[in-house]
Amino acid sequence: MQFRIRGVCLLPAVLCLILSGCDPKPAPTAASPEVEVLPAAVGPVRETITAIGETKADEKVDLVARVEGFLKKRNFKEGQPVKKGDLLFEIEPEMYDAEVKAAQAGLEKSLAARKNADIDYERQSKLAKEDATSGRAYDNAAARKMEADAEVEAAEAALTKAKQNLSYTKIYAPFDGWIGLAPISEGNLVGRTSGTLASVVRTNPMRVEFVLNEMDLLTLLRGKKKGQTRPEVRVQLYTQDGREYDAEGKISFWDNRIDPDSGTLRLQAVFPNPDGKLIPGMFTRIKLSPPKPREALLVPLTAVMTDQAGDYVYIVDKDGIVRRRTLKTGYRDETHVVAIDNLAPGEEIIVNGIQKVRPGMKVKAVPVKTADTAVPSAAVPPEQTEKKSESGAADIAPADAPRR
């Protein structure tokens, strides 16, 4: 009986010795997720404002008939260039030539009558000094002289008008330009009520009209330096196919007030157009930017998230821990946004793999594998940055652009 009790007492001790001689296996730990990061960097930017514009001819003249008559000749081909002073239309001149001759004859008759009136007046004046004539005769001579002078002036005016009407029978090109369709053909009766015979436009230079809302206008005006009436602005034009026009323009007109109905200001820019690539009535896209880029801290737009607290990014600190960083952002384009504060150059921003992390997690940070989100370096020359403006590195859109 005593033996059994000892055996039972020894069993727990043996089990303890067996268990103490075996090392426990550690619990498996989850591997840190891998994320791609990109250091925040300073690069050159142009804060660009975009507007829709419409091309307008620098000059446009509607040619109309100022005298009535049959259209005798049309001396041009429709849609062709014309030079200043080219004879375009001829209206039958015979009737107006006859009016000139009649007015000339009337003037000569008036001159002859005035000559007789002058002679009579001189005679009566001399006799009046010698008391050899009556006062009535002197007054009549003076009155005839005044009437003769008035008739000469009227005859001269009639001759001028007749010559002017005769000159209206020929219509000339007012400037170098392009002429459009002529709806009235030769042989038709034309006059003041017959409408436009043809239109001539001057397209070099070409004007482009556009409007800016008040917020964009304030952004533009902030670039005005002390002593300047208006800010210096770089003006670029893009056609409907998205291609940049090969010459920059200059703003030639600022309206003097904001339209209270639309809250916009109307502006016009002038572009050289020697090859006629721009045609009146085209819709274009206008980009306004400062003449020189400025340096700013740029963040890839794909890394920026937004919630009720504002814009933020995830960064990886030196210990590999994910941190949330709330940002105050400025201008942005399709690929980058300007970080105004709360971010330092060189801090590693998570670009790819954001959906796998949360603040406080430990991650494995690797450099970004694609160059699509690369931030331009501050060492990039400005002229190279300008060529890349369409890619988004240096061409920043307004702050009210849609956020991702």
Protein backbone atom coordinates (compact mmCIF):
# COMPACT_ATOMS: atom_id res chain seq x y z
CA MET A 1 0.00 0.00 0.00
CA GLN A 2 2.82 2.34 0.81
CA PHE A 3 4.59 1.51 -2.49
CA ARG A 4 1.62 2.61 -4.55
CA ILE A 5 1.45 5.94 -2.84
CA ARG A 6 5.12 6.57 -3.53
CA GLY A 7 4.65 5.71 -7.20
CA VAL A 8 1.78 8.12 -7.50
CA CYS A 9 3.83 10.84 -5.85
CA LEU A 10 6.81 10.29 -8.15
CA LEU A 11 4.72 10.57 -11.38
CA PRO A 12 4.25 14.37 -11.28
CA ALA A 13 7.92 14.88 -10.60
CA VAL A 14 8.88 12.75 -13.61
CA LEU A 15 6.49 14.70 -15.84
CA CYS A 16 7.96 17.98 -14.66
CA LEU A 17 11.46 16.79 -15.49
CA ILE A 18 10.36 15.73 -18.99
CA LEU A 19 8.58 19.01 -19.70
CA SER A 20 11.44 21.11 -18.38
CA GLY A 21 13.86 19.40 -20.73
CA CYS A 22 11.90 20.54 -23.92
CA ASP A 23 12.21 24.10 -25.37
CA PRO A 24 8.79 25.71 -26.18
CA LYS A 25 8.27 26.72 -29.88
CA PRO A 26 7.87 30.53 -30.45
CA ALA A 27 4.54 31.79 -31.90
CA PRO A 28 4.81 32.75 -35.61
CA THR A 29 4.94 36.55 -36.26
CA ALA A 30 3.43 38.34 -39.34
CA ALA A 31 5.96 39.79 -41.80
CA SER A 32 6.03 43.63 -42.14
CA PRO A 33 4.22 44.75 -45.31
CA GLU A 34 6.34 46.18 -48.08
CA VAL A 35 5.56 49.70 -49.34
CA GLU A 36 7.14 51.89 -51.97
CA VAL A 37 8.31 55.30 -50.78
CA LEU A 38 9.57 58.45 -52.41
CA PRO A 39 11.49 61.21 -50.62
CA ALA A 40 9.81 64.61 -50.62
CA ALA A 41 11.87 66.95 -52.81
CA VAL A 42 11.96 70.60 -53.81
CA GLY A 43 11.39 71.33 -57.49
CA PRO A 44 10.50 74.23 -59.82
CA VAL A 45 6.79 74.88 -60.38
CA ARG A 46 4.63 77.26 -62.42
CA GLU A 47 1.31 78.07 -60.80
CA THR A 48 -0.86 77.84 -63.88
CA ILE A 49 -4.39 79.11 -64.45
CA THR A 50 -6.39 77.56 -67.28
CA ALA A 51 -9.21 79.21 -69.22
CA ILE A 52 -11.22 78.54 -72.38
CA GLY A 53 -10.66 81.10 -75.13
CA GLU A 54 -12.04 81.96 -78.54
CA THR A 55 -9.94 83.33 -81.38
CA LYS A 56 -11.02 86.61 -82.93
CA ALA A 57 -9.65 88.49 -85.91
CA ASP A 58 -7.44 91.40 -84.96
CA GLU A 59 -9.42 93.54 -87.42
CA LYS A 60 -12.68 92.82 -89.25
CA VAL A 61 -14.45 95.05 -91.77
CA ASP A 62 -17.79 94.39 -93.46
CA LEU A 63 -17.69 95.97 -96.91
CA VAL A 64 -20.97 97.66 -97.87
CA ALA A 65 -22.13 99.84 -100.74
CA ARG A 66 -22.47 103.51 -99.79
CA VAL A 67 -24.07 104.51 -103.10
CA GLU A 68 -26.72 102.83 -105.20
CA GLY A 69 -25.96 101.28 -108.57
CA PHE A 70 -25.41 98.07 -110.45
CA LEU A 71 -22.41 96.03 -109.34
CA LYS A 72 -20.12 96.33 -112.34
CA LYS A 73 -17.11 94.21 -111.36
CA ARG A 74 -15.72 92.01 -108.59
CA ASN A 75 -11.91 91.93 -108.65
CA PHE A 76 -11.00 89.10 -106.26
CA LYS A 77 -11.38 85.40 -105.56
CA GLU A 78 -13.37 84.50 -102.51
CA GLY A 79 -11.35 83.22 -99.56
CA GLN A 80 -8.08 84.62 -100.88
CA PRO A 81 -5.61 87.05 -99.25
CA VAL A 82 -5.86 90.70 -100.23
CA LYS A 83 -3.50 93.64 -99.83
CA LYS A 84 -4.33 97.05 -98.48
CA GLY A 85 -5.55 99.27 -101.32
CA ASP A 86 -6.58 96.43 -103.65
CA LEU A 87 -9.66 97.33 -105.73
CA LEU A 88 -12.33 94.81 -104.72
CA PHE A 89 -15.69 96.05 -106.07
CA GLU A 90 -16.72 98.51 -108.79
CA ILE A 91 -20.21 100.04 -108.96
CA GLU A 92 -21.30 101.71 -112.21
CA PRO A 93 -19.80 105.23 -112.01
CA GLU A 94 -21.46 107.01 -114.97
CA MET A 95 -24.31 108.63 -113.03
CA TYR A 96 -21.97 109.86 -110.29
CA ASP A 97 -19.44 111.10 -112.80
CA ALA A 98 -22.22 113.19 -114.37
CA GLU A 99 -23.12 114.59 -110.95
CA VAL A 100 -19.51 115.67 -110.47
CA LYS A 101 -19.56 117.51 -113.79
CA ALA A 102 -22.85 119.18 -112.95
CA ALA A 103 -21.54 120.24 -109.56
CA GLN A 104 -18.39 121.58 -111.18
CA ALA A 105 -20.49 123.65 -113.61
CA GLY A 106 -22.62 124.95 -110.74
CA LEU A 107 -19.49 126.02 -108.89
CA GLU A 108 -18.18 127.90 -111.93
CA LYS A 109 -21.51 129.68 -112.31
CA SER A 110 -21.47 130.67 -108.65
CA LEU A 111 -17.92 131.96 -108.97
CA ALA A 112 -18.91 134.14 -111.93
CA ALA A 113 -21.88 135.54 -110.03
CA ARG A 114 -19.69 136.27 -107.04
CA LYS A 115 -17.18 138.08 -109.23
CA ASN A 116 -19.92 140.44 -110.53
CA ALA A 117 -21.18 140.92 -107.00
CA ASP A 118 -17.69 141.81 -105.80
CA ILE A 119 -17.23 144.36 -108.58
CA ASP A 120 -20.59 145.99 -107.85
CA TYR A 121 -19.84 146.05 -104.13
CA GLU A 122 -16.44 147.71 -104.68
CA ARG A 123 -18.05 150.34 -106.94
CA GLN A 124 -20.79 151.12 -104.42
CA SER A 125 -18.27 151.30 -101.60
CA LYS A 126 -16.20 153.87 -103.48
CA LEU A 127 -19.26 155.96 -104.35
CA ALA A 128 -20.51 155.78 -100.77
CA LYS A 129 -17.26 157.32 -99.54
CA GLU A 130 -17.81 160.24 -101.96
CA ASP A 131 -21.49 160.53 -101.05
CA ALA A 132 -22.24 159.85 -104.72
CA THR A 133 -24.72 156.98 -104.16
CA SER A 134 -27.64 156.23 -101.95
CA GLY A 135 -27.42 154.10 -98.88
CA ARG A 136 -30.01 151.73 -100.33
CA ALA A 137 -27.86 151.00 -103.40
CA TYR A 138 -24.85 150.29 -101.16
CA ASP A 139 -26.84 147.93 -98.95
CA ASN A 140 -28.18 146.03 -101.97
CA ALA A 141 -24.63 145.58 -103.32
CA ALA A 142 -23.41 144.29 -99.96
CA ALA A 143 -26.31 141.84 -99.74
CA ARG A 144 -25.67 140.51 -103.28
CA LYS A 145 -22.02 139.98 -102.38
CA MET A 146 -22.97 137.92 -99.27
CA GLU A 147 -25.43 135.85 -101.29
CA ALA A 148 -22.80 135.20 -103.96
CA ASP A 149 -20.28 134.07 -101.32
CA ALA A 150 -22.86 131.67 -99.85
CA GLU A 151 -23.73 130.26 -103.25
CA VAL A 152 -20.05 129.57 -103.93
CA GLU A 153 -19.71 127.71 -100.62
CA ALA A 154 -22.83 125.66 -101.40
CA ALA A 155 -21.52 124.87 -104.87
CA GLU A 156 -18.16 123.80 -103.46
CA ALA A 157 -19.91 121.53 -100.95
CA ALA A 158 -22.04 120.02 -103.70
CA LEU A 159 -18.94 119.33 -105.76
CA THR A 160 -17.20 117.71 -102.79
CA LYS A 161 -20.21 115.49 -102.15
CA ALA A 162 -20.45 114.52 -105.82
CA LYS A 163 -16.76 113.60 -105.92
CA GLN A 164 -17.16 111.59 -102.72
CA ASN A 165 -20.13 109.67 -104.14
CA LEU A 166 -18.10 108.97 -107.26
CA SER A 167 -15.27 107.61 -105.09
CA TYR A 168 -17.75 105.30 -103.35
CA THR A 169 -18.28 103.46 -106.63
CA LYS A 170 -14.92 101.79 -106.00
CA ILE A 171 -14.41 99.73 -102.83
CA TYR A 172 -10.83 98.99 -101.73
CA ALA A 173 -9.28 96.62 -99.17
CA PRO A 174 -8.80 98.56 -95.91
CA PHE A 175 -5.78 96.45 -94.82
CA ASP A 176 -3.86 93.28 -95.57
CA GLY A 177 -6.03 90.30 -94.76
CA TRP A 178 -8.35 87.58 -96.03
CA ILE A 179 -11.63 88.16 -97.81
CA GLY A 180 -14.64 85.92 -97.35
CA LEU A 181 -17.63 84.99 -99.47
CA ALA A 182 -19.37 87.59 -101.61
CA PRO A 183 -23.12 86.80 -101.59
CA ILE A 184 -23.96 89.37 -104.30
CA SER A 185 -22.67 88.72 -107.80
CA GLU A 186 -21.96 91.12 -110.63
CA GLY A 187 -24.94 92.75 -112.31
CA ASN A 188 -27.07 93.06 -109.17
CA LEU A 189 -28.34 96.38 -107.89
CA VAL A 190 -26.61 97.29 -104.65
CA GLY A 191 -26.98 100.15 -102.21
CA ARG A 192 -27.04 101.09 -98.55
CA THR A 193 -29.73 98.49 -97.80
CA SER A 194 -28.21 95.58 -99.73
CA GLY A 195 -26.14 94.36 -96.75
CA THR A 196 -22.56 93.15 -96.61
CA LEU A 197 -20.85 92.63 -99.95
CA ALA A 198 -17.94 90.77 -98.33
CA SER A 199 -15.89 90.76 -95.12
CA VAL A 200 -12.16 91.28 -94.76
CA VAL A 201 -10.35 90.06 -91.66
CA ARG A 202 -6.80 90.52 -90.46
CA THR A 203 -5.52 87.42 -88.68
CA ASN A 204 -1.91 88.37 -87.99
CA PRO A 205 -1.75 88.94 -85.12
CA MET A 206 -4.69 86.92 -83.77
CA ARG A 207 -6.65 87.97 -80.69
CA VAL A 208 -7.92 85.38 -78.20
CA GLU A 209 -10.68 86.38 -75.78
CA PHE A 210 -11.26 84.55 -72.49
CA VAL A 211 -12.63 85.14 -68.99
CA LEU A 212 -11.27 84.46 -65.50
CA ASN A 213 -13.26 83.89 -62.35
CA GLU A 214 -12.54 86.09 -59.36
CA MET A 215 -10.44 83.52 -57.49
CA ASP A 216 -8.16 82.91 -60.48
CA LEU A 217 -7.92 86.66 -61.02
CA LEU A 218 -6.77 87.18 -57.43
CA THR A 219 -4.15 84.47 -57.90
CA LEU A 220 -2.91 86.25 -61.01
CA LEU A 221 -2.85 89.68 -59.36
CA ARG A 222 -0.78 88.38 -56.45
CA GLY A 223 2.12 88.13 -58.89
CA LYS A 224 2.02 91.88 -59.58
CA LYS A 225 5.20 93.58 -58.46
CA LYS A 226 5.41 97.00 -56.91
CA GLY A 227 5.12 99.72 -59.53
CA GLN A 228 3.47 97.46 -62.13
CA THR A 229 0.03 98.30 -63.49
CA ARG A 230 -0.63 94.66 -64.35
CA PRO A 231 1.35 91.50 -63.50
CA GLU A 232 3.72 89.93 -65.97
CA VAL A 233 2.10 86.79 -67.31
CA ARG A 234 3.28 83.99 -69.55
CA VAL A 235 0.47 83.13 -71.99
CA GLN A 236 0.34 79.77 -73.78
CA LEU A 237 -2.29 78.51 -76.20
CA TYR A 238 -3.41 74.94 -76.83
CA THR A 239 -5.63 73.94 -79.75
CA GLN A 240 -8.53 71.49 -79.63
CA ASP A 241 -6.23 68.55 -80.37
CA GLY A 242 -4.22 69.32 -77.23
CA ARG A 243 -1.14 70.62 -79.03
CA GLU A 244 0.68 73.69 -77.80
CA TYR A 245 0.81 76.60 -80.23
CA ASP A 246 4.35 77.33 -81.32
CA ALA A 247 4.41 80.95 -80.10
CA GLU A 248 3.59 82.58 -76.79
CA GLY A 249 1.19 85.49 -76.55
CA LYS A 250 0.81 88.69 -74.56
CA ILE A 251 -2.24 89.97 -72.71
CA SER A 252 -3.39 93.05 -74.62
CA PHE A 253 -6.63 93.86 -72.82
CA TRP A 254 -7.97 93.76 -69.26
CA ASP A 255 -11.58 94.74 -68.79
CA ASN A 256 -12.17 97.56 -66.29
CA ARG A 257 -14.77 95.73 -64.20
CA ILE A 258 -15.90 92.24 -63.18
CA ASP A 259 -19.19 91.17 -64.69
CA PRO A 260 -21.57 91.08 -61.70
CA ASP A 261 -23.78 88.43 -63.33
CA SER A 262 -21.04 85.88 -63.97
CA GLY A 263 -18.34 87.01 -61.52
CA THR A 264 -15.72 86.95 -64.27
CA LEU A 265 -13.30 89.39 -65.86
CA ARG A 266 -12.81 89.49 -69.63
CA LEU A 267 -9.28 89.53 -71.05
CA GLN A 268 -7.70 89.33 -74.47
CA ALA A 269 -4.31 88.03 -75.54
CA VAL A 270 -2.52 88.58 -78.84
CA PHE A 271 -0.59 85.82 -80.64
CA PRO A 272 1.55 86.10 -83.79
CA ASN A 273 -0.07 84.19 -86.63
CA PRO A 274 2.14 84.58 -89.73
CA ASP A 275 1.31 81.12 -91.11
CA GLY A 276 -2.44 81.36 -90.57
CA LYS A 277 -2.57 78.36 -88.22
CA LEU A 278 -5.16 80.17 -86.10
CA ILE A 279 -8.53 80.97 -87.66
CA PRO A 280 -11.17 83.28 -86.15
CA GLY A 281 -13.81 81.37 -84.20
CA MET A 282 -11.58 78.55 -82.93
CA PHE A 283 -12.02 77.41 -79.32
CA THR A 284 -8.71 77.11 -77.51
CA ARG A 285 -7.29 76.49 -74.05
CA ILE A 286 -5.28 79.31 -72.51
CA LYS A 287 -2.69 78.76 -69.79
CA LEU A 288 -1.49 81.70 -67.70
CA SER A 289 1.58 81.36 -65.52
CA PRO A 290 4.38 83.47 -64.03
CA PRO A 291 7.30 84.26 -66.35
CA LYS A 292 9.70 82.28 -64.14
CA PRO A 293 9.10 79.11 -62.08
CA ARG A 294 9.49 79.12 -58.30
CA GLU A 295 10.84 76.46 -55.98
CA ALA A 296 8.33 74.46 -53.91
CA LEU A 297 8.08 71.17 -52.04
CA LEU A 298 6.24 68.71 -54.30
CA VAL A 299 4.32 65.59 -53.29
CA PRO A 300 2.97 62.95 -55.72
CA LEU A 301 -0.78 63.36 -55.97
CA THR A 302 -1.26 59.58 -55.70
CA ALA A 303 0.14 59.76 -52.15
CA VAL A 304 -2.24 62.47 -50.96
CA MET A 305 -5.47 61.45 -49.22
CA THR A 306 -8.30 63.61 -47.92
CA ASP A 307 -10.73 63.32 -45.06
CA GLN A 308 -12.67 65.75 -42.86
CA ALA A 309 -9.43 66.94 -41.26
CA GLY A 310 -7.95 67.85 -44.63
CA ASP A 311 -5.17 66.51 -46.85
CA TYR A 312 -2.65 64.07 -45.42
CA VAL A 313 0.03 61.56 -46.39
CA TYR A 314 1.62 58.53 -44.75
CA ILE A 315 5.34 58.73 -44.15
CA VAL A 316 7.80 56.13 -42.87
CA ASP A 317 10.05 57.35 -40.06
CA LYS A 318 13.64 56.26 -39.42
CA ASP A 319 12.41 53.29 -37.35
CA GLY A 320 10.19 52.00 -40.16
CA ILE A 321 6.97 53.08 -38.45
CA VAL A 322 4.09 54.54 -40.44
CA ARG A 323 3.09 58.06 -39.41
CA ARG A 324 0.18 60.16 -40.57
CA ARG A 325 1.17 63.68 -41.62
CA THR A 326 -1.56 66.29 -42.13
CA LEU A 327 -0.58 68.80 -44.82
CA LYS A 328 -1.55 72.27 -45.90
CA THR A 329 -1.52 72.00 -49.68
CA GLY A 330 -1.45 74.57 -52.44
CA TYR A 331 -1.48 74.31 -56.21
CA ARG A 332 -1.76 70.95 -57.88
CA ASP A 333 -1.89 69.37 -61.31
CA GLU A 334 -2.60 65.88 -62.58
CA THR A 335 0.42 64.32 -60.83
CA HIS A 336 1.77 66.57 -58.07
CA VAL A 337 0.65 68.88 -55.29
CA VAL A 338 2.56 71.62 -53.48
CA ALA A 339 3.04 70.99 -49.74
CA ILE A 340 3.07 74.31 -47.91
CA ASP A 341 3.97 73.12 -44.39
CA ASN A 342 4.32 70.15 -41.99
CA LEU A 343 6.60 68.24 -44.35
CA ALA A 344 10.36 68.42 -44.76
CA PRO A 345 12.47 67.58 -47.81
CA GLY A 346 13.80 64.05 -47.66
CA GLU A 347 10.98 62.56 -45.62
CA GLU A 348 9.88 59.27 -47.15
CA ILE A 349 6.30 59.37 -48.39
CA ILE A 350 4.40 56.14 -49.04
CA VAL A 351 3.40 56.17 -52.70
CA ASN A 352 2.37 52.57 -53.37
CA GLY A 353 0.88 50.16 -50.82
CA ILE A 354 -1.07 52.79 -48.87
CA GLN A 355 -4.09 50.48 -48.59
CA LYS A 356 -2.03 47.93 -46.63
CA VAL A 357 -0.88 50.19 -43.80
CA ARG A 358 -2.21 52.04 -40.78
CA PRO A 359 -0.54 54.62 -38.54
CA GLY A 360 1.77 52.95 -36.04
CA MET A 361 2.48 49.85 -38.18
CA LYS A 362 6.00 48.75 -38.88
CA VAL A 363 6.67 48.39 -42.60
CA LYS A 364 9.47 47.58 -44.98
CA ALA A 365 10.13 50.67 -47.13
CA VAL A 366 11.61 50.23 -50.58
CA PRO A 367 12.28 52.93 -53.21
CA VAL A 368 9.52 53.54 -55.71
CA LYS A 369 9.85 51.28 -58.75
CA THR A 370 8.22 53.50 -61.36
CA ALA A 371 9.21 56.99 -62.48
CA ASP A 372 5.63 58.19 -63.04
CA THR A 373 5.40 59.68 -59.56
CA ALA A 374 8.94 61.02 -59.37
CA VAL A 375 9.26 64.53 -57.97
CA PRO A 376 11.43 66.84 -60.11
CA SER A 377 14.72 67.78 -58.59
CA ALA A 378 15.53 71.40 -57.85
CA ALA A 379 18.65 70.95 -59.96
CA VAL A 380 16.62 70.60 -63.16
CA PRO A 381 17.24 73.69 -65.35
CA PRO A 382 14.12 75.88 -65.79
CA GLU A 383 14.12 75.51 -69.55
CA GLN A 384 14.00 71.71 -69.25
CA THR A 385 11.24 71.95 -66.66
CA GLU A 386 9.17 74.14 -68.99
CA LYS A 387 9.36 71.53 -71.73
CA LYS A 388 7.93 69.01 -69.26
CA SER A 389 5.08 71.26 -68.19
CA GLU A 390 2.45 69.08 -69.85
CA SER A 391 3.62 66.08 -67.82
CA GLY A 392 2.66 67.92 -64.66
CA ALA A 393 6.02 68.32 -62.93
CA ALA A 394 6.18 72.05 -63.46
CA ASP A 395 2.72 72.95 -64.59
CA ILE A 396 0.50 73.29 -61.54
CA ALA A 397 -3.26 73.75 -61.79
CA PRO A 398 -5.42 75.87 -59.46
CA ALA A 399 -6.04 74.73 -55.90
CA ASP A 400 -9.70 74.10 -56.57
CA ALA A 401 -8.88 71.23 -58.95
CA PRO A 402 -10.62 67.92 -58.14
CA ARG A 403 -8.96 65.97 -55.37
CA ARG A 404 -8.44 62.26 -55.29
